[in-house]
C-alpha atoms as a PDB file:
ATOM      1  CA  UNK A   1      -0.848  -0.265  16.783  1.00  0.00           C
ATOM      2  CA  UNK A   2      -0.606  -3.691  17.464  1.00  0.00           C
ATOM      3  CA  UNK A   3       3.023  -3.636  16.449  1.00  0.00           C
ATOM      4  CA  UNK A   4       4.011  -1.105  19.296  1.00  0.00           C
ATOM      5  CA  UNK A   5       4.329  -3.753  21.765  1.00  0.00           C
ATOM      6  CA  UNK A   6       6.734  -5.461  19.655  1.00  0.00           C
ATOM      7  CA  UNK A   7       8.460  -2.169  18.854  1.00  0.00           C
ATOM      8  CA  UNK A   8       8.604  -1.423  22.940  1.00  0.00           C
ATOM      9  CA  UNK A   9      10.590  -4.552  23.454  1.00  0.00           C
ATOM     10  CA  UNK A  10      13.711  -3.782  21.275  1.00  0.00           C
ATOM     11  CA  UNK A  11      14.088  -0.002  21.598  1.00  0.00           C
ATOM     12  CA  UNK A  12      15.925   1.911  24.228  1.00  0.00           C
ATOM     13  CA  UNK A  13      14.209   3.135  27.418  1.00  0.00           C
ATOM     14  CA  UNK A  14      12.927   6.377  26.494  1.00  0.00           C
ATOM     15  CA  UNK A  15      11.042   5.329  23.550  1.00  0.00           C
ATOM     16  CA  UNK A  16      10.208   1.720  24.425  1.00  0.00           C
ATOM     17  CA  UNK A  17       7.696   3.422  27.627  1.00  0.00           C
ATOM     18  CA  UNK A  18       5.832   5.550  25.190  1.00  0.00           C
ATOM     19  CA  UNK A  19       5.294   2.771  22.417  1.00  0.00           C
ATOM     20  CA  UNK A  20       4.352   0.162  25.572  1.00  0.00           C
ATOM     21  CA  UNK A  21       2.011   3.076  26.649  1.00  0.00           C
ATOM     22  CA  UNK A  22       0.424   3.331  23.321  1.00  0.00           C
ATOM     23  CA  UNK A  23       0.189  -0.487  22.408  1.00  0.00           C
ATOM     24  CA  UNK A  24      -3.358  -2.222  22.440  1.00  0.00           C
ATOM     25  CA  UNK A  25      -2.070  -5.634  23.702  1.00  0.00           C
ATOM     26  CA  UNK A  26       0.206  -4.416  26.364  1.00  0.00           C
ATOM     27  CA  UNK A  27      -1.445  -2.738  29.137  1.00  0.00           C
ATOM     28  CA  UNK A  28      -4.706  -1.862  27.907  1.00  0.00           C
ATOM     29  CA  UNK A  29      -6.262  -5.094  26.643  1.00  0.00           C
ATOM     30  CA  UNK A  30      -5.529  -7.494  29.396  1.00  0.00           C
ATOM     31  CA  UNK A  31      -8.179  -6.128  31.770  1.00  0.00           C
ATOM     32  CA  UNK A  32     -10.870  -6.988  29.473  1.00  0.00           C
ATOM     33  CA  UNK A  33      -9.265 -10.760  29.177  1.00  0.00           C
ATOM     34  CA  UNK A  34      -9.646 -11.141  32.500  1.00  0.00           C
ATOM     35  CA  UNK A  35     -13.348  -9.459  33.010  1.00  0.00           C
ATOM     36  CA  UNK A  36     -11.840  -6.429  34.872  1.00  0.00           C
ATOM     37  CA  UNK A  37     -13.208  -2.732  33.615  1.00  0.00           C
ATOM     38  CA  UNK A  38     -10.630  -0.227  34.121  1.00  0.00           C
ATOM     39  CA  UNK A  39     -11.758   3.445  33.687  1.00  0.00           C
ATOM     40  CA  UNK A  40      -8.155   4.329  32.153  1.00  0.00           C
ATOM     41  CA  UNK A  41      -8.480   1.507  29.642  1.00  0.00           C
ATOM     42  CA  UNK A  42     -12.251   2.869  28.340  1.00  0.00           C
ATOM     43  CA  UNK A  43     -10.774   6.414  28.309  1.00  0.00           C
ATOM     44  CA  UNK A  44      -7.706   5.013  26.377  1.00  0.00           C
ATOM     45  CA  UNK A  45     -10.105   3.170  23.728  1.00  0.00           C
ATOM     46  CA  UNK A  46     -12.361   6.354  23.528  1.00  0.00           C
ATOM     47  CA  UNK A  47      -9.364   8.557  22.824  1.00  0.00           C
ATOM     48  CA  UNK A  48      -8.139   6.026  20.077  1.00  0.00           C
ATOM     49  CA  UNK A  49     -11.351   5.833  18.612  1.00  0.00           C
ATOM     50  CA  UNK A  50     -11.966   9.311  18.534  1.00  0.00           C
ATOM     51  CA  UNK A  51      -8.449  10.368  17.354  1.00  0.00           C
ATOM     52  CA  UNK A  52      -8.951   7.899  14.593  1.00  0.00           C
ATOM     53  CA  UNK A  53     -12.666   9.403  13.697  1.00  0.00           C
ATOM     54  CA  UNK A  54     -11.151  12.652  13.768  1.00  0.00           C
ATOM     55  CA  UNK A  55      -8.209  11.656  11.130  1.00  0.00           C
ATOM     56  CA  UNK A  56     -10.679  10.114   8.695  1.00  0.00           C
ATOM     57  CA  UNK A  57     -12.955  13.355   9.157  1.00  0.00           C
ATOM     58  CA  UNK A  58     -10.275  15.583   8.229  1.00  0.00           C
ATOM     59  CA  UNK A  59      -8.914  13.778   5.507  1.00  0.00           C
ATOM     60  CA  UNK A  60     -12.287  13.657   3.637  1.00  0.00           C
ATOM     61  CA  UNK A  61     -12.618  17.424   4.313  1.00  0.00           C
ATOM     62  CA  UNK A  62      -9.305  17.594   2.351  1.00  0.00           C
ATOM     63  CA  UNK A  63     -10.183  15.554  -0.500  1.00  0.00           C
ATOM     64  CA  UNK A  64     -13.686  16.875  -0.873  1.00  0.00           C
ATOM     65  CA  UNK A  65     -11.766  20.756  -1.315  1.00  0.00           C
ATOM     66  CA  UNK A  66      -9.172  19.374  -4.003  1.00  0.00           C
END
């Protein structure tokens, strides 16, 4: 997810905006660096955490049934 920012710099506009929005460093981390807490950043990090925890849980369930 750190590489999404680099990808957004080299890709064409439709995909560059998508990758820039998903990048950790671009928009969502800069507020924390200056001490500003935005709700959109907190929601982003909660959504990313939920997604990867869900992905890990589903992977473990699939491996359990093999």
